[in-house]
Amino acid sequence: MKFIRLHESICCRDVIQSVFELNKLDLDVYKKLKEMKESRADILAKKMSKERSTIYRSLQRLTSCKLCTKKTRTIETGGYYHTYSCNDPKQVRKEIESCIDDWYKLMKNTLKDFEKEMG
């Protein structure tokens, strides 16, 4: 989690970027995918005028932090492809709140030894 200075004005986008260590493009991909409901990486890349591999990396980051879900689809003639969709915003919010709560508990526990370590 990146540190946000308390004197700065922040928005939800800043919190999400900080909690999940995402970049601007990752959040742009998230918003576009949310708009499209479900998409493959190559189609999303065309819509955003980006390289497929770039979009795929963002989708991997979004999936790893549970903002998106990846589904494997089978092609009748053989093979498969992946589609991505955004998770329910309420679920995402709970995940963010859980990360913040965990971070807060960790910081509080770490500071218990402040005097001993910093003397």
Protein backbone atom coordinates (compact mmCIF):
# COMPACT_ATOMS: atom_id res chain seq x y z
CA MET A 1 0.00 0.00 0.00
CA LYS A 2 1.38 3.40 -0.96
CA PHE A 3 1.19 6.20 1.58
CA ILE A 4 -1.21 9.08 0.93
CA ARG A 5 -0.31 12.32 2.67
CA LEU A 6 -3.13 13.31 4.97
CA HIS A 7 -3.04 16.98 4.00
CA GLU A 8 -3.74 16.18 0.35
CA SER A 9 -7.29 16.05 -0.90
CA ILE A 10 -8.00 12.53 -2.05
CA CYS A 11 -10.72 10.75 -3.98
CA CYS A 12 -11.82 7.10 -4.27
CA ARG A 13 -9.51 6.64 -7.25
CA ASP A 14 -6.52 7.63 -5.07
CA VAL A 15 -7.54 5.17 -2.36
CA ILE A 16 -7.96 2.29 -4.82
CA GLN A 17 -4.61 3.06 -6.47
CA SER A 18 -2.91 3.20 -3.10
CA VAL A 19 -4.50 0.11 -1.54
CA PHE A 20 -3.95 -2.16 -4.54
CA GLU A 21 -0.85 -0.44 -5.98
CA LEU A 22 -2.53 0.15 -9.31
CA ASN A 23 -1.69 2.79 -11.90
CA LYS A 24 -3.87 5.19 -13.87
CA LEU A 25 -4.14 2.82 -16.83
CA ASP A 26 -5.31 -0.01 -14.58
CA LEU A 27 -8.18 2.14 -13.34
CA ASP A 28 -8.99 3.29 -16.87
CA VAL A 29 -9.17 -0.38 -17.92
CA TYR A 30 -11.42 -1.10 -14.94
CA LYS A 31 -13.79 1.74 -15.86
CA LYS A 32 -13.93 0.72 -19.54
CA LEU A 33 -14.52 -2.92 -18.63
CA LYS A 34 -17.29 -1.90 -16.25
CA GLU A 35 -18.88 0.04 -19.10
CA MET A 36 -18.64 -2.99 -21.41
CA LYS A 37 -19.87 -5.48 -18.74
CA GLU A 38 -17.63 -8.30 -20.07
CA SER A 39 -14.81 -8.42 -22.60
CA ARG A 40 -11.76 -10.23 -23.88
CA ALA A 41 -8.38 -8.50 -23.56
CA ASP A 42 -7.98 -8.04 -27.33
CA ILE A 43 -11.40 -6.39 -27.75
CA LEU A 44 -10.81 -4.12 -24.75
CA ALA A 45 -7.40 -3.19 -26.19
CA LYS A 46 -8.98 -2.13 -29.50
CA LYS A 47 -11.62 -0.06 -27.71
CA MET A 48 -8.91 1.70 -25.70
CA SER A 49 -6.40 1.98 -28.57
CA LYS A 50 -3.75 0.12 -26.56
CA GLU A 51 -1.61 -2.96 -27.13
CA ARG A 52 -3.28 -6.24 -26.12
CA SER A 53 -0.33 -7.17 -23.89
CA THR A 54 -0.61 -3.85 -22.02
CA ILE A 55 -4.32 -4.38 -21.37
CA TYR A 56 -3.69 -7.99 -20.42
CA ARG A 57 -1.17 -6.92 -17.74
CA SER A 58 -3.68 -4.45 -16.31
CA LEU A 59 -6.37 -7.14 -16.30
CA GLN A 60 -3.99 -9.47 -14.45
CA ARG A 61 -3.41 -6.82 -11.77
CA LEU A 62 -7.14 -6.09 -11.50
CA THR A 63 -7.91 -9.80 -11.22
CA SER A 64 -5.22 -10.42 -8.61
CA CYS A 65 -6.69 -7.74 -6.33
CA LYS A 66 -10.24 -9.03 -6.89
CA LEU A 67 -11.56 -6.00 -8.74
CA CYS A 68 -12.25 -8.21 -11.77
CA THR A 69 -13.02 -11.83 -12.50
CA LYS A 70 -11.52 -13.93 -15.28
CA LYS A 71 -13.57 -16.71 -16.90
CA THR A 72 -12.32 -19.34 -19.31
CA ARG A 73 -14.59 -19.99 -22.29
CA THR A 74 -14.28 -23.07 -24.48
CA ILE A 75 -14.45 -22.87 -28.26
CA GLU A 76 -16.53 -25.70 -29.76
CA THR A 77 -13.98 -26.39 -32.49
CA GLY A 78 -11.18 -26.56 -29.94
CA GLY A 79 -9.26 -24.13 -27.83
CA TYR A 80 -10.34 -21.52 -25.33
CA TYR A 81 -10.28 -17.81 -24.55
CA HIS A 82 -10.68 -15.67 -21.42
CA THR A 83 -13.27 -13.04 -20.67
CA TYR A 84 -13.08 -10.48 -17.89
CA SER A 85 -15.77 -8.68 -15.94
CA CYS A 86 -15.82 -6.29 -13.01
CA ASN A 87 -16.86 -7.60 -9.64
CA ASP A 88 -19.83 -6.13 -7.80
CA PRO A 89 -18.94 -2.63 -6.50
CA LYS A 90 -20.22 -3.54 -3.01
CA GLN A 91 -17.88 -6.54 -2.94
CA VAL A 92 -14.99 -4.37 -4.17
CA ARG A 93 -15.69 -1.78 -1.48
CA LYS A 94 -15.66 -4.48 1.21
CA GLU A 95 -12.33 -5.76 -0.12
CA ILE A 96 -10.87 -2.24 0.01
CA GLU A 97 -12.18 -1.66 3.53
CA SER A 98 -10.74 -5.01 4.62
CA CYS A 99 -7.31 -4.08 3.21
CA ILE A 100 -7.40 -0.72 4.98
CA ASP A 101 -8.46 -2.36 8.27
CA ASP A 102 -5.69 -4.96 7.98
CA TRP A 103 -3.13 -2.25 7.23
CA TYR A 104 -4.32 -0.19 10.20
CA LYS A 105 -4.06 -3.17 12.58
CA LEU A 106 -0.58 -3.98 11.30
CA MET A 107 0.59 -0.38 11.82
CA LYS A 108 -0.89 -0.24 15.33
CA ASN A 109 0.77 -3.54 16.29
CA THR A 110 4.08 -2.45 14.80
CA LEU A 111 4.05 0.79 16.81
CA LYS A 112 3.72 -1.10 20.09
CA ASP A 113 7.48 -1.65 19.94
CA PHE A 114 8.28 1.93 18.89
CA GLU A 115 10.06 2.97 22.11
CA LYS A 116 12.07 -0.26 22.27
CA GLU A 117 13.18 -0.07 18.64
CA MET A 118 13.66 3.69 18.33
CA GLY A 119 14.74 4.24 21.93
